[in-house]
Amino acid sequence: MLWQRFTARRALTAIPVECTRGTATRSHVPLVVREPEAGWWAAQQAGTRQAGSSVTVAAVRERDAAWHPEMVMSRLAALAADRELLVVFGSNVRSVQHSMAAGLRARLPRQEVVAMRVRHRHGEMLRDAAIVERLLDAGSLPVVVTPVAALLDVTAEIASYLRADRVLRVLRTLEGADLCQVWQRRREPSLN
């Protein structure tokens, strides 16, 4: 008998029914589950980042930056002038006072360049990525200094946390050095 009660119930999405119990009549309207609109999803995915803001992450090894430092610095400064930029600098020198941060400060006098040392430790990466996000939101240009061995891991984790649009690396060329794109976030087609 108990089994018959469960199987006799209608699902909430079934056809509307009239229920009569004693003198009261109650109507059941089917439950309609709708997915939120695409704009809502885009806003949720953007998180705290403003819609339309784009973050570029540049991963630079110290030896690649030394190949043609003037060219690398000028490319990074041009990027920082156009969009939000995060530089992840791979260096085994323990100090955060590197020529990379000093060169960017010289080329971008109106922008605050903040150097910070980050080690690739499991429990600390989330905290460090949140600090980088706050620096970007404040309009600063963070230069994350990390050991060369951890450069790719730190770049990937921070870029993922920030939902960066693209990741660039220094490419040595015959003419000097340039930034090449190694990854770009796939854009969802707009409904407009």
C-alpha atoms as a PDB file:
ATOM      1  CA  MET A   1       0.000   0.000   0.000  1.00  0.00           C
ATOM      2  CA  LEU A   2       2.828   2.384   0.792  1.00  0.00           C
ATOM      3  CA  TRP A   3       4.411   1.606  -2.562  1.00  0.00           C
ATOM      4  CA  GLN A   4       1.178   2.491  -4.394  1.00  0.00           C
ATOM      5  CA  ARG A   5       1.128   5.979  -2.845  1.00  0.00           C
ATOM      6  CA  PHE A   6       4.588   6.819  -4.163  1.00  0.00           C
ATOM      7  CA  THR A   7       3.902   5.570  -7.656  1.00  0.00           C
ATOM      8  CA  ALA A   8       0.522   7.264  -7.872  1.00  0.00           C
ATOM      9  CA  ARG A   9       1.940  10.773  -7.230  1.00  0.00           C
ATOM     10  CA  ARG A  10       2.409  13.036 -10.201  1.00  0.00           C
ATOM     11  CA  ALA A  11       5.658  14.803 -10.874  1.00  0.00           C
ATOM     12  CA  LEU A  12       5.665  18.579 -10.401  1.00  0.00           C
ATOM     13  CA  THR A  13       6.248  19.032 -14.110  1.00  0.00           C
ATOM     14  CA  ALA A  14       3.326  16.819 -15.118  1.00  0.00           C
ATOM     15  CA  ILE A  15       0.020  17.967 -16.570  1.00  0.00           C
ATOM     16  CA  PRO A  16      -1.952  20.414 -14.340  1.00  0.00           C
ATOM     17  CA  VAL A  17      -4.509  18.744 -12.099  1.00  0.00           C
ATOM     18  CA  GLU A  18      -7.333  19.885  -9.877  1.00  0.00           C
ATOM     19  CA  CYS A  19      -7.169  18.595  -6.317  1.00  0.00           C
ATOM     20  CA  THR A  20     -10.335  18.449  -4.250  1.00  0.00           C
ATOM     21  CA  ARG A  21     -10.087  17.739  -0.576  1.00  0.00           C
ATOM     22  CA  GLY A  22     -13.208  18.290   1.408  1.00  0.00           C
ATOM     23  CA  THR A  23     -14.557  21.732   0.502  1.00  0.00           C
ATOM     24  CA  ALA A  24     -11.265  23.283  -0.666  1.00  0.00           C
ATOM     25  CA  THR A  25     -10.176  23.034  -4.265  1.00  0.00           C
ATOM     26  CA  ARG A  26      -6.499  23.503  -5.111  1.00  0.00           C
ATOM     27  CA  SER A  27      -5.044  23.766  -8.587  1.00  0.00           C
ATOM     28  CA  HIS A  28      -1.592  22.457  -9.428  1.00  0.00           C
ATOM     29  CA  VAL A  29       0.338  24.360 -12.073  1.00  0.00           C
ATOM     30  CA  PRO A  30       3.308  22.551 -13.597  1.00  0.00           C
ATOM     31  CA  LEU A  31       6.746  23.710 -12.424  1.00  0.00           C
ATOM     32  CA  VAL A  32       8.762  25.230 -15.235  1.00  0.00           C
ATOM     33  CA  VAL A  33      12.520  25.220 -14.812  1.00  0.00           C
ATOM     34  CA  ARG A  34      14.265  27.773 -17.026  1.00  0.00           C
ATOM     35  CA  GLU A  35      17.954  28.263 -17.467  1.00  0.00           C
ATOM     36  CA  PRO A  36      19.124  31.805 -16.792  1.00  0.00           C
ATOM     37  CA  GLU A  37      19.850  33.915 -19.796  1.00  0.00           C
ATOM     38  CA  ALA A  38      23.295  34.013 -21.360  1.00  0.00           C
ATOM     39  CA  GLY A  39      24.053  37.460 -19.940  1.00  0.00           C
ATOM     40  CA  TRP A  40      23.610  36.151 -16.436  1.00  0.00           C
ATOM     41  CA  TRP A  41      26.142  33.376 -17.070  1.00  0.00           C
ATOM     42  CA  ALA A  42      28.635  35.840 -18.491  1.00  0.00           C
ATOM     43  CA  ALA A  43      28.295  37.999 -15.384  1.00  0.00           C
ATOM     44  CA  GLN A  44      28.784  34.974 -13.130  1.00  0.00           C
ATOM     45  CA  GLN A  45      31.854  33.837 -15.016  1.00  0.00           C
ATOM     46  CA  ALA A  46      33.361  37.303 -14.872  1.00  0.00           C
ATOM     47  CA  GLY A  47      33.208  37.125 -11.081  1.00  0.00           C
ATOM     48  CA  THR A  48      34.693  40.234  -9.555  1.00  0.00           C
ATOM     49  CA  ARG A  49      36.382  41.204 -12.810  1.00  0.00           C
ATOM     50  CA  GLN A  50      34.551  43.936 -14.644  1.00  0.00           C
ATOM     51  CA  ALA A  51      32.793  43.011 -17.855  1.00  0.00           C
ATOM     52  CA  GLY A  52      34.951  44.013 -20.781  1.00  0.00           C
ATOM     53  CA  SER A  53      38.208  44.011 -18.823  1.00  0.00           C
ATOM     54  CA  SER A  54      40.873  41.806 -20.285  1.00  0.00           C
ATOM     55  CA  VAL A  55      43.892  40.475 -18.459  1.00  0.00           C
ATOM     56  CA  THR A  56      47.015  39.416 -20.291  1.00  0.00           C
ATOM     57  CA  VAL A  57      49.628  37.333 -18.508  1.00  0.00           C
ATOM     58  CA  ALA A  58      53.211  37.529 -19.785  1.00  0.00           C
ATOM     59  CA  ALA A  59      55.570  34.756 -18.649  1.00  0.00           C
ATOM     60  CA  VAL A  60      59.189  35.910 -18.941  1.00  0.00           C
ATOM     61  CA  ARG A  61      62.351  33.978 -18.045  1.00  0.00           C
ATOM     62  CA  GLU A  62      65.264  36.071 -16.842  1.00  0.00           C
ATOM     63  CA  ARG A  63      67.612  34.766 -19.555  1.00  0.00           C
ATOM     64  CA  ASP A  64      65.010  35.473 -22.284  1.00  0.00           C
ATOM     65  CA  ALA A  65      64.564  39.021 -21.007  1.00  0.00           C
ATOM     66  CA  ALA A  66      68.342  39.476 -21.074  1.00  0.00           C
ATOM     67  CA  TRP A  67      68.456  38.480 -24.761  1.00  0.00           C
ATOM     68  CA  HIS A  68      67.215  41.919 -25.909  1.00  0.00           C
ATOM     69  CA  PRO A  69      66.026  43.709 -22.773  1.00  0.00           C
ATOM     70  CA  GLU A  70      65.032  46.939 -24.531  1.00  0.00           C
ATOM     71  CA  MET A  71      62.732  45.121 -26.957  1.00  0.00           C
ATOM     72  CA  VAL A  72      61.121  43.001 -24.221  1.00  0.00           C
ATOM     73  CA  MET A  73      60.565  46.040 -21.977  1.00  0.00           C
ATOM     74  CA  SER A  74      59.087  48.127 -24.781  1.00  0.00           C
ATOM     75  CA  ARG A  75      56.665  45.311 -25.774  1.00  0.00           C
ATOM     76  CA  LEU A  76      55.559  44.829 -22.158  1.00  0.00           C
ATOM     77  CA  ALA A  77      55.136  48.592 -21.643  1.00  0.00           C
ATOM     78  CA  ALA A  78      53.019  48.840 -24.800  1.00  0.00           C
ATOM     79  CA  LEU A  79      50.802  46.001 -23.565  1.00  0.00           C
ATOM     80  CA  ALA A  80      50.440  47.576 -20.116  1.00  0.00           C
ATOM     81  CA  ALA A  81      49.324  50.841 -21.695  1.00  0.00           C
ATOM     82  CA  ASP A  82      46.464  49.113 -23.558  1.00  0.00           C
ATOM     83  CA  ARG A  83      45.156  46.520 -21.087  1.00  0.00           C
ATOM     84  CA  GLU A  84      45.582  44.950 -17.675  1.00  0.00           C
ATOM     85  CA  LEU A  85      48.906  43.143 -17.623  1.00  0.00           C
ATOM     86  CA  LEU A  86      50.455  40.700 -15.199  1.00  0.00           C
ATOM     87  CA  VAL A  87      54.120  39.784 -15.632  1.00  0.00           C
ATOM     88  CA  VAL A  88      55.293  36.461 -14.195  1.00  0.00           C
ATOM     89  CA  PHE A  89      59.087  36.698 -14.091  1.00  0.00           C
ATOM     90  CA  GLY A  90      61.148  33.531 -13.669  1.00  0.00           C
ATOM     91  CA  SER A  91      64.354  34.224 -11.788  1.00  0.00           C
ATOM     92  CA  ASN A  92      66.416  32.269  -9.286  1.00  0.00           C
ATOM     93  CA  VAL A  93      67.632  35.454  -7.589  1.00  0.00           C
ATOM     94  CA  ARG A  94      65.838  35.695  -4.239  1.00  0.00           C
ATOM     95  CA  SER A  95      65.290  39.457  -4.292  1.00  0.00           C
ATOM     96  CA  VAL A  96      62.201  41.047  -5.826  1.00  0.00           C
ATOM     97  CA  GLN A  97      64.260  44.078  -6.855  1.00  0.00           C
ATOM     98  CA  HIS A  98      64.879  42.957 -10.426  1.00  0.00           C
ATOM     99  CA  SER A  99      65.679  44.851 -13.566  1.00  0.00           C
ATOM    100  CA  MET A 100      62.266  43.769 -14.909  1.00  0.00           C
ATOM    101  CA  ALA A 101      60.317  45.772 -12.320  1.00  0.00           C
ATOM    102  CA  ALA A 102      62.756  48.688 -12.526  1.00  0.00           C
ATOM    103  CA  GLY A 103      62.564  48.771 -16.330  1.00  0.00           C
ATOM    104  CA  LEU A 104      58.759  48.758 -16.298  1.00  0.00           C
ATOM    105  CA  ARG A 105      58.709  51.528 -13.653  1.00  0.00           C
ATOM    106  CA  ALA A 106      60.967  53.652 -15.873  1.00  0.00           C
ATOM    107  CA  ARG A 107      58.739  53.136 -18.946  1.00  0.00           C
ATOM    108  CA  LEU A 108      55.421  53.483 -17.108  1.00  0.00           C
ATOM    109  CA  PRO A 109      55.940  56.379 -14.653  1.00  0.00           C
ATOM    110  CA  ARG A 110      52.191  56.911 -14.108  1.00  0.00           C
ATOM    111  CA  GLN A 111      51.471  53.290 -13.318  1.00  0.00           C
ATOM    112  CA  GLU A 112      52.322  51.606 -10.037  1.00  0.00           C
ATOM    113  CA  VAL A 113      54.540  48.572 -10.668  1.00  0.00           C
ATOM    114  CA  VAL A 114      54.453  46.168  -7.711  1.00  0.00           C
ATOM    115  CA  ALA A 115      56.929  43.313  -7.493  1.00  0.00           C
ATOM    116  CA  MET A 116      56.117  40.341  -5.271  1.00  0.00           C
ATOM    117  CA  ARG A 117      57.874  37.057  -4.667  1.00  0.00           C
ATOM    118  CA  VAL A 118      55.741  33.914  -5.134  1.00  0.00           C
ATOM    119  CA  ARG A 119      56.835  30.352  -4.515  1.00  0.00           C
ATOM    120  CA  HIS A 120      54.838  27.465  -5.909  1.00  0.00           C
ATOM    121  CA  ARG A 121      53.382  26.011  -2.726  1.00  0.00           C
ATOM    122  CA  HIS A 122      50.032  24.287  -2.697  1.00  0.00           C
ATOM    123  CA  GLY A 123      48.462  26.169   0.221  1.00  0.00           C
ATOM    124  CA  GLU A 124      49.812  29.598  -0.703  1.00  0.00           C
ATOM    125  CA  MET A 125      48.919  29.843  -4.410  1.00  0.00           C
ATOM    126  CA  LEU A 126      45.288  30.776  -3.817  1.00  0.00           C
ATOM    127  CA  ARG A 127      46.287  33.525  -1.374  1.00  0.00           C
ATOM    128  CA  ASP A 128      48.962  34.853  -3.744  1.00  0.00           C
ATOM    129  CA  ALA A 129      46.559  34.833  -6.707  1.00  0.00           C
ATOM    130  CA  ALA A 130      44.002  36.774  -4.653  1.00  0.00           C
ATOM    131  CA  ILE A 131      46.657  39.391  -3.822  1.00  0.00           C
ATOM    132  CA  VAL A 132      47.524  39.685  -7.524  1.00  0.00           C
ATOM    133  CA  GLU A 133      43.831  40.135  -8.331  1.00  0.00           C
ATOM    134  CA  ARG A 134      43.520  42.948  -5.783  1.00  0.00           C
ATOM    135  CA  LEU A 135      46.589  44.650  -7.263  1.00  0.00           C
ATOM    136  CA  LEU A 136      45.085  44.467 -10.757  1.00  0.00           C
ATOM    137  CA  ASP A 137      41.753  45.798  -9.495  1.00  0.00           C
ATOM    138  CA  ALA A 138      43.613  48.738  -7.911  1.00  0.00           C
ATOM    139  CA  GLY A 139      45.170  49.581 -11.291  1.00  0.00           C
ATOM    140  CA  SER A 140      48.669  48.332 -10.488  1.00  0.00           C
ATOM    141  CA  LEU A 141      50.948  46.286 -12.698  1.00  0.00           C
ATOM    142  CA  PRO A 142      52.020  43.226 -10.676  1.00  0.00           C
ATOM    143  CA  VAL A 143      55.368  41.613 -11.425  1.00  0.00           C
ATOM    144  CA  VAL A 144      55.295  38.162  -9.847  1.00  0.00           C
ATOM    145  CA  VAL A 145      58.840  36.895  -9.291  1.00  0.00           C
ATOM    146  CA  THR A 146      59.087  33.122  -9.028  1.00  0.00           C
ATOM    147  CA  PRO A 147      61.846  30.498  -9.409  1.00  0.00           C
ATOM    148  CA  VAL A 148      62.497  29.519 -13.036  1.00  0.00           C
ATOM    149  CA  ALA A 149      61.502  25.900 -12.326  1.00  0.00           C
ATOM    150  CA  ALA A 150      58.047  27.032 -11.121  1.00  0.00           C
ATOM    151  CA  LEU A 151      57.447  29.670 -13.835  1.00  0.00           C
ATOM    152  CA  LEU A 152      55.004  27.631 -15.922  1.00  0.00           C
ATOM    153  CA  ASP A 153      53.060  26.270 -12.939  1.00  0.00           C
ATOM    154  CA  VAL A 154      52.708  29.687 -11.294  1.00  0.00           C
ATOM    155  CA  THR A 155      51.712  31.272 -14.622  1.00  0.00           C
ATOM    156  CA  ALA A 156      49.066  28.619 -15.278  1.00  0.00           C
ATOM    157  CA  GLU A 157      47.554  28.775 -11.792  1.00  0.00           C
ATOM    158  CA  ILE A 158      47.392  32.566 -11.571  1.00  0.00           C
ATOM    159  CA  ALA A 159      46.089  32.881 -15.152  1.00  0.00           C
ATOM    160  CA  SER A 160      43.387  30.337 -14.362  1.00  0.00           C
ATOM    161  CA  TYR A 161      42.421  32.097 -11.122  1.00  0.00           C
ATOM    162  CA  LEU A 162      42.206  35.485 -12.884  1.00  0.00           C
ATOM    163  CA  ARG A 163      40.412  33.990 -15.913  1.00  0.00           C
ATOM    164  CA  ALA A 164      43.015  35.693 -18.076  1.00  0.00           C
ATOM    165  CA  ASP A 165      42.251  36.239 -21.737  1.00  0.00           C
ATOM    166  CA  ARG A 166      45.651  35.153 -22.970  1.00  0.00           C
ATOM    167  CA  VAL A 167      49.147  34.096 -21.957  1.00  0.00           C
ATOM    168  CA  LEU A 168      52.257  35.347 -23.731  1.00  0.00           C
ATOM    169  CA  ARG A 169      55.912  34.254 -23.623  1.00  0.00           C
ATOM    170  CA  VAL A 170      59.123  35.801 -24.869  1.00  0.00           C
ATOM    171  CA  LEU A 171      60.295  34.361 -28.170  1.00  0.00           C
ATOM    172  CA  ARG A 172      63.861  34.919 -29.345  1.00  0.00           C
ATOM    173  CA  THR A 173      63.927  36.034 -32.959  1.00  0.00           C
ATOM    174  CA  LEU A 174      66.654  36.959 -35.437  1.00  0.00           C
ATOM    175  CA  GLU A 175      65.775  40.616 -34.958  1.00  0.00           C
ATOM    176  CA  GLY A 176      65.780  40.391 -31.159  1.00  0.00           C
ATOM    177  CA  ALA A 177      62.934  39.294 -28.946  1.00  0.00           C
ATOM    178  CA  ASP A 178      59.161  39.426 -29.196  1.00  0.00           C
ATOM    179  CA  LEU A 179      56.120  38.304 -27.242  1.00  0.00           C
ATOM    180  CA  CYS A 180      54.218  35.387 -28.727  1.00  0.00           C
ATOM    181  CA  GLN A 181      50.844  34.089 -27.678  1.00  0.00           C
ATOM    182  CA  VAL A 182      50.870  30.567 -26.245  1.00  0.00           C
ATOM    183  CA  TRP A 183      47.267  30.405 -25.052  1.00  0.00           C
ATOM    184  CA  GLN A 184      44.020  32.338 -25.518  1.00  0.00           C
ATOM    185  CA  ARG A 185      40.661  31.883 -23.784  1.00  0.00           C
ATOM    186  CA  ARG A 186      37.917  30.758 -26.122  1.00  0.00           C
ATOM    187  CA  ARG A 187      35.148  33.342 -26.355  1.00  0.00           C
ATOM    188  CA  GLU A 188      31.519  32.299 -26.248  1.00  0.00           C
ATOM    189  CA  PRO A 189      29.507  33.574 -29.225  1.00  0.00           C
ATOM    190  CA  SER A 190      27.319  36.526 -28.285  1.00  0.00           C
ATOM    191  CA  LEU A 191      23.564  36.378 -28.723  1.00  0.00           C
ATOM    192  CA  ASN A 192      23.356  39.911 -30.141  1.00  0.00           C
END
